[in-house]
Amino acid sequence: MNNDDHFRKLEAMYGTAPINEFYAPTMAVSEGKAVIEIDLGERFYHAAGAVHGSVYFKMLDDAAFFATSSLEITFFVLTISFTTYLTRPVSEGKMQAVGKVVNRNKSQFIAESIVYDSNDKEIGRGNGMFIRSKRKLSETPGYGV
């Protein structure tokens, strides 16, 4: 399997995750990088009328996770820690998260991600640690689609 096939399989796997029926994201994966977008709407708001922090977290973690997954072709990876910083509220337009791997060794990956609003202003950032699980990607629902 070449890298492009792996990237497309990761995108397919992401698209079949049941939680993404709610968020309706799009994602593009390349080597060591993932870009995710969602269209905002009231369904993502907290009581004060802006996007809830859980949406920021999901986008940041997913972008970092799939950036990491792009470099691992055999096993499903797991998030073992993730720190999120919410730097600006947003309520309309789109959110775009860009994740990239910044360090890796035999046992773990470190990835960062930044989320932007429709005007390309940073509205949040995060970083996390990821490890390989024992589960093979080939056995993960949606990966072989």
C-alpha atoms as a PDB file:
ATOM      1  CA  MET A   1       0.000   0.000   0.000  1.00  0.00           C
ATOM      2  CA  ASN A   2       1.330   3.461  -0.837  1.00  0.00           C
ATOM      3  CA  ASN A   3       0.960   6.520   1.390  1.00  0.00           C
ATOM      4  CA  ASP A   4      -1.877   8.044  -0.642  1.00  0.00           C
ATOM      5  CA  ASP A   5      -3.925   4.846  -0.246  1.00  0.00           C
ATOM      6  CA  HIS A   6      -3.318   4.959   3.514  1.00  0.00           C
ATOM      7  CA  PHE A   7      -4.356   8.637   3.672  1.00  0.00           C
ATOM      8  CA  ARG A   8      -7.592   7.956   1.748  1.00  0.00           C
ATOM      9  CA  LYS A   9      -8.386   4.989   4.021  1.00  0.00           C
ATOM     10  CA  LEU A  10      -7.913   7.206   7.096  1.00  0.00           C
ATOM     11  CA  GLU A  11     -10.257   9.794   5.577  1.00  0.00           C
ATOM     12  CA  ALA A  12     -12.834   7.052   4.914  1.00  0.00           C
ATOM     13  CA  MET A  13     -12.484   5.733   8.469  1.00  0.00           C
ATOM     14  CA  TYR A  14     -13.054   9.233   9.855  1.00  0.00           C
ATOM     15  CA  GLY A  15     -16.116   9.686   7.685  1.00  0.00           C
ATOM     16  CA  THR A  16     -17.722   6.491   8.963  1.00  0.00           C
ATOM     17  CA  ALA A  17     -17.308   7.301  12.676  1.00  0.00           C
ATOM     18  CA  PRO A  18     -20.831   7.592  14.126  1.00  0.00           C
ATOM     19  CA  ILE A  19     -20.011  10.813  16.023  1.00  0.00           C
ATOM     20  CA  ASN A  20     -19.266  12.560  12.751  1.00  0.00           C
ATOM     21  CA  GLU A  21     -22.908  12.260  11.702  1.00  0.00           C
ATOM     22  CA  PHE A  22     -23.479  15.115  14.178  1.00  0.00           C
ATOM     23  CA  TYR A  23     -20.458  17.265  13.258  1.00  0.00           C
ATOM     24  CA  ALA A  24     -20.444  16.606   9.472  1.00  0.00           C
ATOM     25  CA  PRO A  25     -16.716  17.393   9.108  1.00  0.00           C
ATOM     26  CA  THR A  26     -14.496  17.138   6.063  1.00  0.00           C
ATOM     27  CA  MET A  27     -10.889  16.020   6.379  1.00  0.00           C
ATOM     28  CA  ALA A  28      -7.775  15.834   4.219  1.00  0.00           C
ATOM     29  CA  VAL A  29      -4.754  13.796   5.326  1.00  0.00           C
ATOM     30  CA  SER A  30      -1.194  14.067   4.063  1.00  0.00           C
ATOM     31  CA  GLU A  31       2.125  12.945   5.498  1.00  0.00           C
ATOM     32  CA  GLY A  32       2.331  14.113   9.119  1.00  0.00           C
ATOM     33  CA  LYS A  33      -0.601  16.510   8.633  1.00  0.00           C
ATOM     34  CA  ALA A  34      -4.408  16.581   8.769  1.00  0.00           C
ATOM     35  CA  VAL A  35      -6.848  19.408   8.035  1.00  0.00           C
ATOM     36  CA  ILE A  36     -10.453  19.252   9.291  1.00  0.00           C
ATOM     37  CA  GLU A  37     -13.315  21.680   8.612  1.00  0.00           C
ATOM     38  CA  ILE A  38     -16.843  22.035   9.920  1.00  0.00           C
ATOM     39  CA  ASP A  39     -19.609  24.513   9.173  1.00  0.00           C
ATOM     40  CA  LEU A  40     -20.816  26.183  12.352  1.00  0.00           C
ATOM     41  CA  GLY A  41     -24.404  26.437  13.498  1.00  0.00           C
ATOM     42  CA  GLU A  42     -26.510  26.846  16.619  1.00  0.00           C
ATOM     43  CA  ARG A  43     -26.376  23.120  17.372  1.00  0.00           C
ATOM     44  CA  PHE A  44     -22.760  23.683  18.522  1.00  0.00           C
ATOM     45  CA  TYR A  45     -23.559  26.637  20.845  1.00  0.00           C
ATOM     46  CA  HIS A  46     -23.432  26.878  24.612  1.00  0.00           C
ATOM     47  CA  ALA A  47     -25.982  29.037  26.463  1.00  0.00           C
ATOM     48  CA  ALA A  48     -24.142  32.300  25.670  1.00  0.00           C
ATOM     49  CA  GLY A  49     -24.463  31.781  21.902  1.00  0.00           C
ATOM     50  CA  ALA A  50     -20.927  30.782  20.911  1.00  0.00           C
ATOM     51  CA  VAL A  51     -19.371  27.440  19.999  1.00  0.00           C
ATOM     52  CA  HIS A  52     -18.924  25.110  22.972  1.00  0.00           C
ATOM     53  CA  GLY A  53     -15.364  24.187  23.965  1.00  0.00           C
ATOM     54  CA  SER A  54     -16.049  20.522  23.279  1.00  0.00           C
ATOM     55  CA  VAL A  55     -16.182  21.349  19.558  1.00  0.00           C
ATOM     56  CA  TYR A  56     -12.768  23.006  19.765  1.00  0.00           C
ATOM     57  CA  PHE A  57     -11.391  19.973  21.575  1.00  0.00           C
ATOM     58  CA  LYS A  58     -12.818  17.501  19.066  1.00  0.00           C
ATOM     59  CA  MET A  59     -11.397  19.359  16.102  1.00  0.00           C
ATOM     60  CA  LEU A  60      -7.982  19.881  17.679  1.00  0.00           C
ATOM     61  CA  ASP A  61      -7.668  16.296  18.908  1.00  0.00           C
ATOM     62  CA  ASP A  62      -8.929  14.829  15.620  1.00  0.00           C
ATOM     63  CA  ALA A  63      -6.493  16.903  13.544  1.00  0.00           C
ATOM     64  CA  ALA A  64      -3.533  15.910  15.721  1.00  0.00           C
ATOM     65  CA  PHE A  65      -4.713  12.283  15.880  1.00  0.00           C
ATOM     66  CA  PHE A  66      -4.990  11.904  12.111  1.00  0.00           C
ATOM     67  CA  ALA A  67      -1.710  13.721  11.501  1.00  0.00           C
ATOM     68  CA  THR A  68      -0.180  11.058  13.756  1.00  0.00           C
ATOM     69  CA  SER A  69      -2.149   8.251  12.117  1.00  0.00           C
ATOM     70  CA  SER A  70      -0.770   9.281   8.739  1.00  0.00           C
ATOM     71  CA  LEU A  71       2.658   8.095   9.917  1.00  0.00           C
ATOM     72  CA  GLU A  72       1.467   4.739  11.324  1.00  0.00           C
ATOM     73  CA  ILE A  73       0.312   2.260   8.668  1.00  0.00           C
ATOM     74  CA  THR A  74      -0.172  -0.871  10.792  1.00  0.00           C
ATOM     75  CA  PHE A  75      -1.804   0.032  14.102  1.00  0.00           C
ATOM     76  CA  PHE A  76      -4.620   2.292  15.296  1.00  0.00           C
ATOM     77  CA  VAL A  77      -3.182   5.065  17.464  1.00  0.00           C
ATOM     78  CA  LEU A  78      -4.573   6.287  20.788  1.00  0.00           C
ATOM     79  CA  THR A  79      -4.584   9.725  22.372  1.00  0.00           C
ATOM     80  CA  ILE A  80      -2.968   9.397  25.799  1.00  0.00           C
ATOM     81  CA  SER A  81      -3.024  13.094  26.700  1.00  0.00           C
ATOM     82  CA  PHE A  82      -4.232  16.271  25.057  1.00  0.00           C
ATOM     83  CA  THR A  83      -4.080  19.872  26.257  1.00  0.00           C
ATOM     84  CA  THR A  84      -6.453  22.418  24.750  1.00  0.00           C
ATOM     85  CA  TYR A  85      -6.277  26.218  24.784  1.00  0.00           C
ATOM     86  CA  LEU A  86      -9.359  28.200  23.744  1.00  0.00           C
ATOM     87  CA  THR A  87      -8.109  31.627  22.684  1.00  0.00           C
ATOM     88  CA  ARG A  88     -11.091  33.281  20.986  1.00  0.00           C
ATOM     89  CA  PRO A  89     -14.849  32.636  20.781  1.00  0.00           C
ATOM     90  CA  VAL A  90     -16.536  31.934  17.467  1.00  0.00           C
ATOM     91  CA  SER A  91     -20.195  31.558  16.513  1.00  0.00           C
ATOM     92  CA  GLU A  92     -20.508  31.613  12.728  1.00  0.00           C
ATOM     93  CA  GLY A  93     -18.760  30.571   9.556  1.00  0.00           C
ATOM     94  CA  LYS A  94     -16.367  27.647   9.574  1.00  0.00           C
ATOM     95  CA  MET A  95     -13.770  26.197  11.880  1.00  0.00           C
ATOM     96  CA  GLN A  96     -10.637  24.687  10.372  1.00  0.00           C
ATOM     97  CA  ALA A  97      -8.185  22.658  12.445  1.00  0.00           C
ATOM     98  CA  VAL A  98      -4.688  21.898  11.155  1.00  0.00           C
ATOM     99  CA  GLY A  99      -2.713  19.188  12.924  1.00  0.00           C
ATOM    100  CA  LYS A 100       0.908  18.212  12.454  1.00  0.00           C
ATOM    101  CA  VAL A 101       3.337  15.787  14.046  1.00  0.00           C
ATOM    102  CA  VAL A 102       6.226  17.581  15.728  1.00  0.00           C
ATOM    103  CA  ASN A 103       8.109  14.658  17.271  1.00  0.00           C
ATOM    104  CA  ARG A 104       8.098  10.874  17.190  1.00  0.00           C
ATOM    105  CA  ASN A 105      10.140   8.018  18.552  1.00  0.00           C
ATOM    106  CA  LYS A 106       9.728   4.246  18.860  1.00  0.00           C
ATOM    107  CA  SER A 107       6.928   4.422  21.416  1.00  0.00           C
ATOM    108  CA  GLN A 108       5.093   7.740  21.044  1.00  0.00           C
ATOM    109  CA  PHE A 109       4.170  10.675  18.858  1.00  0.00           C
ATOM    110  CA  ILE A 110       3.726  14.328  19.813  1.00  0.00           C
ATOM    111  CA  ALA A 111       1.421  16.411  17.646  1.00  0.00           C
ATOM    112  CA  GLU A 112       0.146  19.984  17.676  1.00  0.00           C
ATOM    113  CA  SER A 113      -2.948  21.502  16.166  1.00  0.00           C
ATOM    114  CA  ILE A 114      -4.383  24.966  15.650  1.00  0.00           C
ATOM    115  CA  VAL A 115      -7.998  25.826  14.913  1.00  0.00           C
ATOM    116  CA  TYR A 116      -8.919  28.892  12.855  1.00  0.00           C
ATOM    117  CA  ASP A 117     -12.115  30.798  12.148  1.00  0.00           C
ATOM    118  CA  SER A 118     -13.376  31.784   8.674  1.00  0.00           C
ATOM    119  CA  ASN A 119     -11.050  34.807   8.687  1.00  0.00           C
ATOM    120  CA  ASP A 120      -7.976  32.613   9.332  1.00  0.00           C
ATOM    121  CA  LYS A 121      -7.652  33.951  12.887  1.00  0.00           C
ATOM    122  CA  GLU A 122      -6.429  31.491  15.476  1.00  0.00           C
ATOM    123  CA  ILE A 123      -9.202  30.638  17.916  1.00  0.00           C
ATOM    124  CA  GLY A 124      -7.601  27.707  19.733  1.00  0.00           C
ATOM    125  CA  ARG A 125      -4.659  25.361  19.877  1.00  0.00           C
ATOM    126  CA  GLY A 126      -3.670  22.092  21.427  1.00  0.00           C
ATOM    127  CA  ASN A 127      -1.000  19.464  21.707  1.00  0.00           C
ATOM    128  CA  GLY A 128      -1.031  15.833  22.612  1.00  0.00           C
ATOM    129  CA  MET A 129       0.767  12.554  22.982  1.00  0.00           C
ATOM    130  CA  PHE A 130      -0.244   9.486  21.011  1.00  0.00           C
ATOM    131  CA  ILE A 131       0.790   5.826  21.102  1.00  0.00           C
ATOM    132  CA  ARG A 132       0.234   2.780  18.925  1.00  0.00           C
ATOM    133  CA  SER A 133      -2.493   0.450  20.168  1.00  0.00           C
ATOM    134  CA  LYS A 134      -2.578  -3.308  19.682  1.00  0.00           C
ATOM    135  CA  ARG A 135      -5.514  -2.997  17.279  1.00  0.00           C
ATOM    136  CA  LYS A 136      -4.598  -3.316  13.619  1.00  0.00           C
ATOM    137  CA  LEU A 137      -5.878  -0.617  11.301  1.00  0.00           C
ATOM    138  CA  SER A 138      -6.977  -3.332   8.873  1.00  0.00           C
ATOM    139  CA  GLU A 139      -9.405  -4.560  11.572  1.00  0.00           C
ATOM    140  CA  THR A 140     -10.821  -1.112  12.290  1.00  0.00           C
ATOM    141  CA  PRO A 141     -14.305  -0.377  10.900  1.00  0.00           C
ATOM    142  CA  GLY A 142     -14.229   2.063   7.991  1.00  0.00           C
ATOM    143  CA  TYR A 143     -10.494   1.799   7.291  1.00  0.00           C
ATOM    144  CA  GLY A 144     -10.822  -0.706   4.449  1.00  0.00           C
ATOM    145  CA  VAL A 145     -13.788   1.051   2.816  1.00  0.00           C
END
